[in-house]
Amino acid sequence: MTAPHSAAPLGAEPSRALKGEIRVPGDKSISHRALILGAMAVGETVISGLLEGEDVLRTGAAMAALGADVSCDADGIWHVHGVGVGGFAEPAGVLDFGNSGTGVRLAMGAVATTPIACTFTGDASLCRRPMGRVLDPLARFGAESMGRTGGRLPLTMTGAKQAMPVTYVSPVASAQVKSAVLLAGLNAPGETTLIEREATRDHTENMLRAFGARVEVTAHEDGHAVTVGGHAELKAVPIAVPADPSSAAFPLAAALIVRDSEVTVNGVLMNPTRAGLYETLREMGADLTIGAPRAEGGEPVADLTARFSNLRGIDVPPERAPSMIDEYPVLAVIAAFAEGRTVMRGLKELRVKESDRIAAMARGLIACGVKVEELEDGLIVEGLGAGGMPGGGTIATEMDHRIAMSFLVAGLAAKKTVKVDDSAFIATSFPGFSDLMMGLGGRLVRLNR
């Protein structure tokens, strides 16, 4: 299991206007998938813009342990020489995914139809997160697993010796579940179909097509069905990873709530299954410009500029949740600086992220002087208007990078310094976050433990 880490407390002080043009790290979802599909392809996959955060690096190490040749050159270009679908070798040791739920769940799908045994583990946070939502459909292919109660890590999975194709109706709106099923289906006979009631991010489908797999998306009475052809042969292709919209949300949010700010983030992924936050911000009255729309690496991207805005509270449509599920923590902070009430529902998925994000955000906002009602599936935030958050709270991040970054953004616009008990986990998704925010003019200070 991952060794204990050393906490890194950090404070965010009230700041003057933030100004600048930046690029944030590559998209985490696409980075994970590029490494995994590259490892399952024949030939060399060349990846530019890969997010070199700890979560993604753990996935790269796991693919190497499974037999792929994974390396990075001096220019930051990654090379993956794959072993082909069904070609994974049994790893010599445990596959440790640190804090990465995406990495471990997708890797489980990738090995579920290969007859090898793999043991998966992670840090304390990941070992608390449920894996049953992935293990249940993978068992239908013939994979067997044994782990802690509730399917929690560490666990050992033995891939199916004679895999069966599967049709699975997902009970949760989860791109991780969908992706695990589709990856498993690549090495099963016939066709494997995942039926989802609500559309989730479609990066796996897009990338599978790019690698040569047959993928079909059709309407279904329960929503829509995604079908992948089995016994596929994936052929290596170059992958350009666009900037992560979930990471871009933090500097853009800071610009919206710190007076006189203007920040541009270049090359941000604008896939419709990931762009719900920007639609929501515009409904709140955000001065947000989407410029230079274009396609890079098979995905839509654009340059986003946010300027300080007098925001208003809104009811966020619950059906929008899958397209912005990772951005709700920072949206809750933005809502605290809006006039009036913001209602966010349909967020049950946040209960089983790196932390219970609904509870963590509610506690943190209350500690900063904001009135919040915690719902079973969401939050109601009573906004205090621009500059209205008292701040002064010390936030328990619970090993969650998005909780840490969200409250550091809050502190830049609050009346008093906001402290987070640990910023170390920010590196899992956004290496260089502190330096980037300080480069824009944000005041972040290291604290004594």
Protein backbone atom coordinates (compact mmCIF):
# COMPACT_ATOMS: atom_id res chain seq x y z
CA MET A 1 0.00 0.00 0.00
CA THR A 2 1.13 3.57 -0.63
CA ALA A 3 3.42 4.89 2.10
CA PRO A 4 2.06 7.63 4.41
CA HIS A 5 2.68 11.12 3.07
CA SER A 6 3.79 14.30 4.81
CA ALA A 7 1.01 16.89 5.09
CA ALA A 8 1.58 20.30 3.48
CA PRO A 9 -0.71 22.94 5.03
CA LEU A 10 -1.31 25.99 2.83
CA GLY A 11 -3.10 29.30 3.24
CA ALA A 12 -4.77 31.57 0.68
CA GLU A 13 -4.83 35.26 1.58
CA PRO A 14 -7.11 37.99 0.17
CA SER A 15 -5.52 38.97 -3.14
CA ARG A 16 -5.51 41.83 -5.59
CA ALA A 17 -6.59 41.39 -9.20
CA LEU A 18 -5.44 38.20 -10.92
CA LYS A 19 -4.08 38.73 -14.42
CA GLY A 20 -2.51 36.48 -17.02
CA GLU A 21 -2.69 33.98 -19.87
CA ILE A 22 -1.88 30.40 -18.93
CA ARG A 23 -2.19 26.76 -19.88
CA VAL A 24 -3.15 24.20 -17.28
CA PRO A 25 -1.97 20.56 -17.30
CA GLY A 26 -3.37 18.02 -19.73
CA ASP A 27 -6.76 16.43 -19.21
CA LYS A 28 -6.59 13.67 -16.62
CA SER A 29 -9.35 11.51 -18.10
CA ILE A 30 -7.79 11.49 -21.56
CA SER A 31 -4.30 10.94 -20.14
CA HIS A 32 -5.36 7.78 -18.28
CA ARG A 33 -7.10 6.41 -21.37
CA ALA A 34 -4.18 7.21 -23.68
CA LEU A 35 -1.81 5.15 -21.55
CA ILE A 36 -4.20 2.22 -21.15
CA LEU A 37 -5.27 2.02 -24.79
CA GLY A 38 -1.69 2.55 -25.90
CA ALA A 39 -0.72 -0.46 -23.78
CA MET A 40 -3.53 -2.51 -25.39
CA ALA A 41 -2.60 -1.50 -28.95
CA VAL A 42 -0.14 -2.92 -31.42
CA GLY A 43 2.74 -0.57 -32.20
CA GLU A 44 3.96 2.67 -30.62
CA THR A 45 1.53 5.27 -29.28
CA VAL A 46 3.10 8.73 -29.00
CA ILE A 47 1.39 11.02 -26.48
CA SER A 48 1.94 14.77 -26.19
CA GLY A 49 0.51 16.94 -23.43
CA LEU A 50 0.09 14.04 -21.00
CA LEU A 51 -0.78 15.12 -17.47
CA GLU A 52 2.28 14.20 -15.40
CA GLY A 53 0.38 14.20 -12.12
CA GLU A 54 0.76 11.37 -9.66
CA ASP A 55 -2.56 9.72 -10.60
CA VAL A 56 -1.60 9.39 -14.25
CA LEU A 57 1.97 8.35 -13.51
CA ARG A 58 0.58 5.50 -11.40
CA THR A 59 -1.44 4.32 -14.39
CA GLY A 60 1.66 4.45 -16.59
CA ALA A 61 3.60 2.39 -14.04
CA ALA A 62 0.77 -0.16 -13.92
CA MET A 63 0.78 -0.53 -17.71
CA ALA A 64 4.54 -1.10 -17.59
CA ALA A 65 4.07 -3.74 -14.88
CA LEU A 66 1.58 -5.48 -17.19
CA GLY A 67 4.17 -5.74 -19.96
CA ALA A 68 3.92 -2.54 -22.01
CA ASP A 69 7.04 -0.46 -22.66
CA VAL A 70 6.26 3.01 -21.26
CA SER A 71 8.78 5.87 -21.39
CA CYS A 72 9.05 9.67 -21.55
CA ASP A 73 11.68 11.61 -23.49
CA ALA A 74 13.38 14.86 -22.56
CA ASP A 75 10.74 16.92 -24.43
CA GLY A 76 7.90 15.52 -22.34
CA ILE A 77 6.64 13.24 -25.12
CA TRP A 78 5.47 9.84 -23.89
CA HIS A 79 5.93 6.59 -25.81
CA VAL A 80 3.91 3.44 -25.20
CA HIS A 81 4.79 0.23 -27.04
CA GLY A 82 1.69 -1.89 -26.55
CA VAL A 83 1.20 -5.62 -26.13
CA GLY A 84 -2.08 -5.92 -28.02
CA VAL A 85 -5.56 -6.73 -26.71
CA GLY A 86 -5.31 -9.78 -24.45
CA GLY A 87 -1.53 -9.51 -24.31
CA PHE A 88 -1.03 -8.34 -20.74
CA ALA A 89 1.42 -10.37 -18.66
CA GLU A 90 0.85 -11.20 -15.02
CA PRO A 91 2.61 -8.49 -12.99
CA ALA A 92 5.40 -9.47 -10.61
CA GLY A 93 4.08 -7.24 -7.82
CA VAL A 94 1.07 -5.32 -6.59
CA LEU A 95 -0.39 -2.58 -8.81
CA ASP A 96 -0.50 0.51 -6.59
CA PHE A 97 -2.75 3.29 -7.94
CA GLY A 98 -2.19 5.76 -5.12
CA ASN A 99 -5.18 8.11 -5.07
CA SER A 100 -6.50 7.33 -8.56
CA GLY A 101 -10.01 5.92 -8.78
CA THR A 102 -10.07 6.38 -12.55
CA GLY A 103 -6.79 4.54 -13.05
CA VAL A 104 -7.66 1.54 -10.93
CA ARG A 105 -11.21 1.07 -12.25
CA LEU A 106 -10.21 1.35 -15.90
CA ALA A 107 -7.24 -0.97 -15.36
CA MET A 108 -9.55 -3.55 -13.79
CA GLY A 109 -11.65 -3.46 -16.94
CA ALA A 110 -8.59 -3.75 -19.16
CA VAL A 111 -7.38 -6.94 -17.44
CA ALA A 112 -10.76 -8.53 -16.64
CA THR A 113 -10.88 -10.63 -19.81
CA THR A 114 -7.21 -11.68 -19.78
CA PRO A 115 -6.50 -14.87 -17.75
CA ILE A 116 -3.97 -13.38 -15.36
CA ALA A 117 -4.09 -12.51 -11.65
CA CYS A 118 -3.54 -8.92 -10.53
CA THR A 119 -3.60 -7.39 -7.06
CA PHE A 120 -4.75 -3.76 -6.87
CA THR A 121 -4.21 -1.35 -4.01
CA GLY A 122 -3.93 2.37 -3.30
CA ASP A 123 -3.60 4.96 -0.58
CA ALA A 124 -5.90 5.24 2.45
CA SER A 125 -8.41 7.37 0.55
CA LEU A 126 -8.64 5.03 -2.44
CA CYS A 127 -8.93 1.98 -0.18
CA ARG A 128 -12.11 3.51 1.28
CA ARG A 129 -13.76 3.96 -2.10
CA PRO A 130 -16.23 1.35 -3.42
CA MET A 131 -15.14 -0.87 -6.31
CA GLY A 132 -18.28 -2.99 -6.43
CA ARG A 133 -19.83 -0.81 -9.13
CA VAL A 134 -17.05 -2.00 -11.47
CA LEU A 135 -16.53 -5.50 -10.08
CA ASP A 136 -20.20 -6.46 -10.57
CA PRO A 137 -20.27 -6.04 -14.37
CA LEU A 138 -16.75 -7.43 -14.75
CA ALA A 139 -17.85 -10.62 -12.97
CA ARG A 140 -20.36 -11.15 -15.78
CA PHE A 141 -17.45 -11.52 -18.21
CA GLY A 142 -16.09 -14.30 -15.97
CA ALA A 143 -13.58 -12.29 -13.91
CA GLU A 144 -13.22 -13.29 -10.26
CA SER A 145 -12.15 -10.99 -7.46
CA MET A 146 -11.47 -11.19 -3.76
CA GLY A 147 -11.02 -8.12 -1.61
CA ARG A 148 -12.21 -6.36 1.51
CA THR A 149 -15.86 -5.98 2.47
CA GLY A 150 -17.78 -3.99 -0.11
CA GLY A 151 -15.26 -4.79 -2.82
CA ARG A 152 -12.75 -2.33 -1.39
CA LEU A 153 -9.02 -2.37 -1.99
CA PRO A 154 -6.70 -4.10 -1.69
CA LEU A 155 -8.17 -6.85 -3.86
CA THR A 156 -7.02 -9.51 -6.27
CA MET A 157 -8.72 -10.09 -9.62
CA THR A 158 -8.29 -13.12 -11.83
CA GLY A 159 -9.30 -12.45 -15.41
CA ALA A 160 -11.76 -14.64 -17.28
CA LYS A 161 -10.30 -17.73 -18.92
CA GLN A 162 -13.15 -17.92 -21.41
CA ALA A 163 -14.67 -14.46 -21.48
CA MET A 164 -18.33 -13.97 -22.32
CA PRO A 165 -19.81 -10.88 -24.00
CA VAL A 166 -21.98 -8.77 -21.73
CA THR A 167 -24.98 -6.47 -21.96
CA TYR A 168 -25.09 -4.33 -18.84
CA VAL A 169 -27.50 -1.64 -17.71
CA SER A 170 -25.49 0.67 -15.47
CA PRO A 171 -27.34 1.66 -12.28
CA VAL A 172 -25.12 4.74 -11.88
CA ALA A 173 -24.11 7.53 -14.24
CA SER A 174 -20.40 6.73 -14.29
CA ALA A 175 -17.92 7.04 -17.13
CA GLN A 176 -15.58 4.83 -15.12
CA VAL A 177 -18.08 1.96 -15.07
CA LYS A 178 -18.83 2.42 -18.75
CA SER A 179 -15.16 2.51 -19.67
CA ALA A 180 -14.29 -0.56 -17.60
CA VAL A 181 -17.03 -2.56 -19.34
CA LEU A 182 -15.99 -1.40 -22.82
CA LEU A 183 -12.32 -2.17 -22.17
CA ALA A 184 -13.21 -5.65 -20.93
CA GLY A 185 -15.37 -6.19 -24.00
CA LEU A 186 -12.40 -5.69 -26.31
CA ASN A 187 -11.10 -9.19 -25.49
CA ALA A 188 -14.48 -10.95 -25.34
CA PRO A 189 -16.21 -12.59 -28.32
CA GLY A 190 -19.14 -10.95 -30.10
CA GLU A 191 -20.38 -7.58 -28.89
CA THR A 192 -20.44 -6.00 -25.44
CA THR A 193 -23.01 -3.31 -24.69
CA LEU A 194 -23.25 -0.80 -21.85
CA ILE A 195 -26.61 0.93 -21.41
CA GLU A 196 -26.63 4.20 -19.48
CA ARG A 197 -29.61 6.33 -18.53
CA GLU A 198 -27.67 9.60 -18.54
CA ALA A 199 -24.89 10.52 -20.94
CA THR A 200 -21.43 10.49 -19.32
CA ARG A 201 -18.10 11.64 -20.69
CA ASP A 202 -17.35 9.85 -23.95
CA HIS A 203 -13.55 9.97 -24.14
CA THR A 204 -13.26 6.18 -24.11
CA GLU A 205 -15.59 5.82 -27.09
CA ASN A 206 -13.76 8.57 -29.01
CA MET A 207 -10.34 7.10 -28.33
CA LEU A 208 -11.41 3.53 -29.05
CA ARG A 209 -12.53 4.66 -32.51
CA ALA A 210 -9.20 6.42 -33.05
CA PHE A 211 -7.38 3.17 -32.21
CA GLY A 212 -9.52 1.26 -34.70
CA ALA A 213 -12.14 -0.41 -32.51
CA ARG A 214 -15.72 -0.69 -33.70
CA VAL A 215 -17.92 1.41 -31.42
CA GLU A 216 -21.60 2.17 -31.93
CA VAL A 217 -23.88 4.45 -29.91
CA THR A 218 -27.62 3.94 -30.36
CA ALA A 219 -30.82 5.09 -28.72
CA HIS A 220 -32.30 2.74 -26.12
CA GLU A 221 -35.51 2.76 -24.13
CA ASP A 222 -33.43 3.16 -20.95
CA GLY A 223 -31.27 5.95 -22.38
CA HIS A 224 -28.65 5.00 -24.91
CA ALA A 225 -26.48 1.99 -25.61
CA VAL A 226 -22.74 1.93 -26.30
CA THR A 227 -21.53 -1.22 -28.07
CA VAL A 228 -17.96 -2.32 -28.70
CA GLY A 229 -16.89 -5.13 -31.01
CA GLY A 230 -14.97 -7.95 -29.35
CA HIS A 231 -11.64 -9.57 -30.20
CA ALA A 232 -10.54 -6.17 -31.40
CA GLU A 233 -7.13 -5.29 -32.75
CA LEU A 234 -6.11 -1.79 -31.70
CA LYS A 235 -3.50 0.02 -33.77
CA ALA A 236 -1.31 2.68 -32.22
CA VAL A 237 -2.07 6.33 -33.07
CA PRO A 238 -0.60 9.64 -31.86
CA ILE A 239 -2.57 11.32 -29.05
CA ALA A 240 -2.51 15.05 -28.25
CA VAL A 241 -3.98 15.65 -24.79
CA PRO A 242 -5.86 18.97 -24.44
CA ALA A 243 -5.88 21.07 -21.26
CA ASP A 244 -8.05 19.66 -18.46
CA PRO A 245 -11.35 21.57 -18.03
CA SER A 246 -11.58 20.48 -14.40
CA SER A 247 -8.18 22.04 -13.71
CA ALA A 248 -9.00 25.12 -15.78
CA ALA A 249 -12.03 25.68 -13.55
CA PHE A 250 -9.86 26.82 -10.61
CA PRO A 251 -8.02 29.81 -12.13
CA LEU A 252 -11.17 30.78 -14.05
CA ALA A 253 -13.25 30.63 -10.86
CA ALA A 254 -10.67 32.76 -9.07
CA ALA A 255 -10.89 35.38 -11.82
CA LEU A 256 -14.68 35.52 -11.49
CA ILE A 257 -14.62 36.24 -7.73
CA VAL A 258 -11.46 38.35 -7.21
CA ARG A 259 -12.17 41.98 -8.12
CA ASP A 260 -10.76 43.42 -11.36
CA SER A 261 -9.34 40.05 -12.46
CA GLU A 262 -8.99 38.75 -16.01
CA VAL A 263 -7.49 35.33 -16.72
CA THR A 264 -7.24 33.36 -19.98
CA VAL A 265 -6.67 29.60 -20.07
CA ASN A 266 -5.61 28.30 -23.48
CA GLY A 267 -6.45 25.05 -25.23
CA VAL A 268 -9.16 23.82 -22.84
CA LEU A 269 -11.08 20.66 -23.68
CA MET A 270 -14.67 21.59 -24.61
CA ASN A 271 -16.19 18.15 -25.10
CA PRO A 272 -19.97 18.61 -24.50
CA THR A 273 -19.91 15.83 -21.88
CA ARG A 274 -17.44 17.95 -19.85
CA ALA A 275 -18.57 21.54 -20.44
CA GLY A 276 -21.53 21.84 -18.06
CA LEU A 277 -19.72 24.22 -15.71
CA TYR A 278 -19.31 26.88 -18.36
CA GLU A 279 -23.01 26.80 -19.25
CA THR A 280 -23.83 27.10 -15.55
CA LEU A 281 -21.46 30.03 -15.02
CA ARG A 282 -23.02 31.94 -17.90
CA GLU A 283 -26.46 31.41 -16.36
CA MET A 284 -25.04 32.92 -13.15
CA GLY A 285 -24.00 36.02 -15.08
CA ALA A 286 -20.31 35.23 -15.51
CA ASP A 287 -18.27 37.31 -17.94
CA LEU A 288 -16.82 34.29 -19.71
CA THR A 289 -15.53 34.34 -23.29
CA ILE A 290 -14.97 31.21 -25.36
CA GLY A 291 -12.50 32.00 -28.12
CA ALA A 292 -10.68 30.29 -30.99
CA PRO A 293 -12.73 27.07 -31.04
CA ARG A 294 -10.88 24.29 -32.83
CA ALA A 295 -10.20 20.55 -32.84
CA GLU A 296 -7.05 19.02 -31.37
CA GLY A 297 -6.42 15.31 -31.02
CA GLY A 298 -9.97 14.53 -32.09
CA GLU A 299 -11.51 16.65 -29.31
CA PRO A 300 -12.97 20.19 -29.39
CA VAL A 301 -10.87 22.80 -27.57
CA ALA A 302 -11.02 26.57 -27.04
CA ASP A 303 -9.36 29.43 -25.18
CA LEU A 304 -11.41 30.58 -22.17
CA THR A 305 -11.25 34.06 -20.63
CA ALA A 306 -12.94 34.87 -17.31
CA ARG A 307 -13.32 38.35 -15.82
CA PHE A 308 -14.54 39.45 -12.40
CA SER A 309 -18.34 39.29 -12.36
CA ASN A 310 -21.27 40.12 -10.12
CA LEU A 311 -22.89 36.70 -10.03
CA ARG A 312 -26.38 35.55 -9.10
CA GLY A 313 -27.53 32.30 -7.57
CA ILE A 314 -29.43 29.80 -9.72
CA ASP A 315 -30.99 26.34 -9.61
CA VAL A 316 -28.53 24.09 -11.47
CA PRO A 317 -30.46 21.45 -13.48
CA PRO A 318 -29.79 18.01 -11.93
CA GLU A 319 -29.49 16.45 -15.37
CA ARG A 320 -26.40 18.58 -15.98
CA ALA A 321 -24.47 16.86 -13.19
CA PRO A 322 -22.67 14.21 -15.30
CA SER A 323 -21.14 16.93 -17.50
CA MET A 324 -19.61 18.80 -14.54
CA ILE A 325 -19.45 16.31 -11.68
CA ASP A 326 -15.83 17.16 -10.77
CA GLU A 327 -16.49 20.91 -10.84
CA TYR A 328 -19.18 21.06 -8.14
CA PRO A 329 -16.70 21.74 -5.30
CA VAL A 330 -15.40 24.89 -6.98
CA LEU A 331 -18.93 25.80 -8.12
CA ALA A 332 -20.01 25.71 -4.47
CA VAL A 333 -17.27 28.26 -3.73
CA ILE A 334 -18.36 30.45 -6.64
CA ALA A 335 -21.95 30.23 -5.36
CA ALA A 336 -20.82 31.64 -2.01
CA PHE A 337 -19.77 34.84 -3.84
CA ALA A 338 -23.03 35.13 -5.80
CA GLU A 339 -26.12 37.09 -4.78
CA GLY A 340 -28.88 34.77 -3.61
CA ARG A 341 -29.34 31.05 -3.37
CA THR A 342 -27.70 28.39 -5.55
CA VAL A 343 -29.27 24.93 -5.52
CA MET A 344 -27.26 21.93 -6.70
CA ARG A 345 -28.91 18.51 -6.88
CA GLY A 346 -28.26 15.16 -8.54
CA LEU A 347 -24.83 14.84 -6.93
CA LYS A 348 -24.96 11.47 -5.16
CA GLU A 349 -21.82 10.46 -7.05
CA LEU A 350 -19.90 13.04 -4.98
CA ARG A 351 -20.50 10.98 -1.85
CA VAL A 352 -18.02 8.35 -3.11
CA LYS A 353 -15.24 10.44 -4.63
CA GLU A 354 -11.83 10.94 -2.98
CA SER A 355 -13.89 12.19 -0.04
CA ASP A 356 -17.59 12.70 0.60
CA ARG A 357 -17.40 15.95 -1.33
CA ILE A 358 -20.91 17.08 -0.44
CA ALA A 359 -20.19 16.85 3.28
CA ALA A 360 -16.65 18.24 2.93
CA MET A 361 -17.81 21.31 0.99
CA ALA A 362 -20.67 21.96 3.41
CA ARG A 363 -18.35 21.82 6.43
CA GLY A 364 -15.75 23.99 4.75
CA LEU A 365 -18.17 26.69 3.63
CA ILE A 366 -19.76 26.83 7.08
CA ALA A 367 -16.27 27.23 8.58
CA CYS A 368 -15.82 30.24 6.26
CA GLY A 369 -19.05 31.89 7.38
CA VAL A 370 -21.38 30.76 4.58
CA LYS A 371 -24.86 29.38 5.23
CA VAL A 372 -25.23 25.95 3.61
CA GLU A 373 -27.88 23.26 3.63
CA GLU A 374 -26.56 19.78 2.96
CA LEU A 375 -28.93 17.57 0.97
CA GLU A 376 -28.69 13.84 0.43
CA ASP A 377 -27.81 14.47 -3.20
CA GLY A 378 -26.56 18.04 -3.19
CA LEU A 379 -26.10 21.45 -1.58
CA ILE A 380 -27.97 24.71 -1.18
CA VAL A 381 -25.58 27.63 -0.81
CA GLU A 382 -26.78 31.04 0.38
CA GLY A 383 -24.54 33.44 -1.50
CA LEU A 384 -23.06 36.50 0.19
CA GLY A 385 -22.24 38.45 -2.95
CA ALA A 386 -18.90 39.68 -4.26
CA GLY A 387 -16.39 39.98 -1.44
CA GLY A 388 -18.94 38.78 1.09
CA MET A 389 -17.36 35.56 2.36
CA PRO A 390 -15.87 36.13 5.84
CA GLY A 391 -13.28 33.36 5.40
CA GLY A 392 -10.92 32.59 8.26
CA GLY A 393 -11.67 28.86 8.29
CA THR A 394 -9.26 25.95 8.43
CA ILE A 395 -10.44 23.26 6.04
CA ALA A 396 -10.11 19.50 6.50
CA THR A 397 -9.35 18.39 2.94
CA GLU A 398 -9.67 14.65 3.69
CA MET A 399 -6.92 13.81 1.18
CA ASP A 400 -9.02 15.34 -1.63
CA HIS A 401 -7.24 17.51 -4.19
CA ARG A 402 -10.40 19.26 -5.40
CA ILE A 403 -11.48 20.22 -1.89
CA ALA A 404 -8.03 21.72 -1.28
CA MET A 405 -7.95 23.72 -4.51
CA SER A 406 -11.55 24.93 -4.15
CA PHE A 407 -10.93 26.48 -0.73
CA LEU A 408 -7.62 27.98 -1.77
CA VAL A 409 -9.54 29.74 -4.53
CA ALA A 410 -12.08 30.89 -1.92
CA GLY A 411 -9.35 32.37 0.25
CA LEU A 412 -8.13 34.63 -2.56
CA ALA A 413 -11.48 36.47 -2.52
CA ALA A 414 -12.54 36.10 1.13
CA LYS A 415 -12.11 38.78 3.82
CA LYS A 416 -9.73 36.63 5.87
CA THR A 417 -7.17 33.94 5.05
CA VAL A 418 -8.54 30.46 4.36
CA LYS A 419 -6.27 27.58 5.35
CA VAL A 420 -6.26 23.99 4.13
CA ASP A 421 -4.77 21.29 6.32
CA ASP A 422 -3.06 19.51 3.43
CA SER A 423 -2.21 20.58 -0.10
CA ALA A 424 0.02 17.59 -0.93
CA PHE A 425 -2.69 15.75 -2.85
CA ILE A 426 -3.13 18.60 -5.33
CA ALA A 427 -0.22 17.06 -7.26
CA THR A 428 -2.39 14.06 -8.15
CA SER A 429 -4.24 16.14 -10.76
CA PHE A 430 -2.66 19.62 -10.93
CA PRO A 431 1.11 19.67 -10.46
CA GLY A 432 2.31 23.26 -10.23
CA PHE A 433 -1.05 24.61 -9.03
CA SER A 434 0.41 26.86 -6.34
CA ASP A 435 3.10 28.35 -8.60
CA LEU A 436 0.57 28.96 -11.37
CA MET A 437 -1.89 30.74 -9.06
CA MET A 438 0.88 32.85 -7.53
CA GLY A 439 2.06 33.72 -11.04
CA LEU A 440 -1.36 35.21 -11.68
CA GLY A 441 -1.08 37.30 -8.51
CA GLY A 442 -2.69 34.98 -5.98
CA ARG A 443 -1.30 35.07 -2.45
CA LEU A 444 -0.61 31.52 -1.25
CA VAL A 445 1.54 30.96 1.82
CA ARG A 446 3.13 27.82 3.28
CA LEU A 447 2.07 27.13 6.85
CA ASN A 448 3.80 25.39 9.72
CA ARG A 449 2.52 21.90 10.43
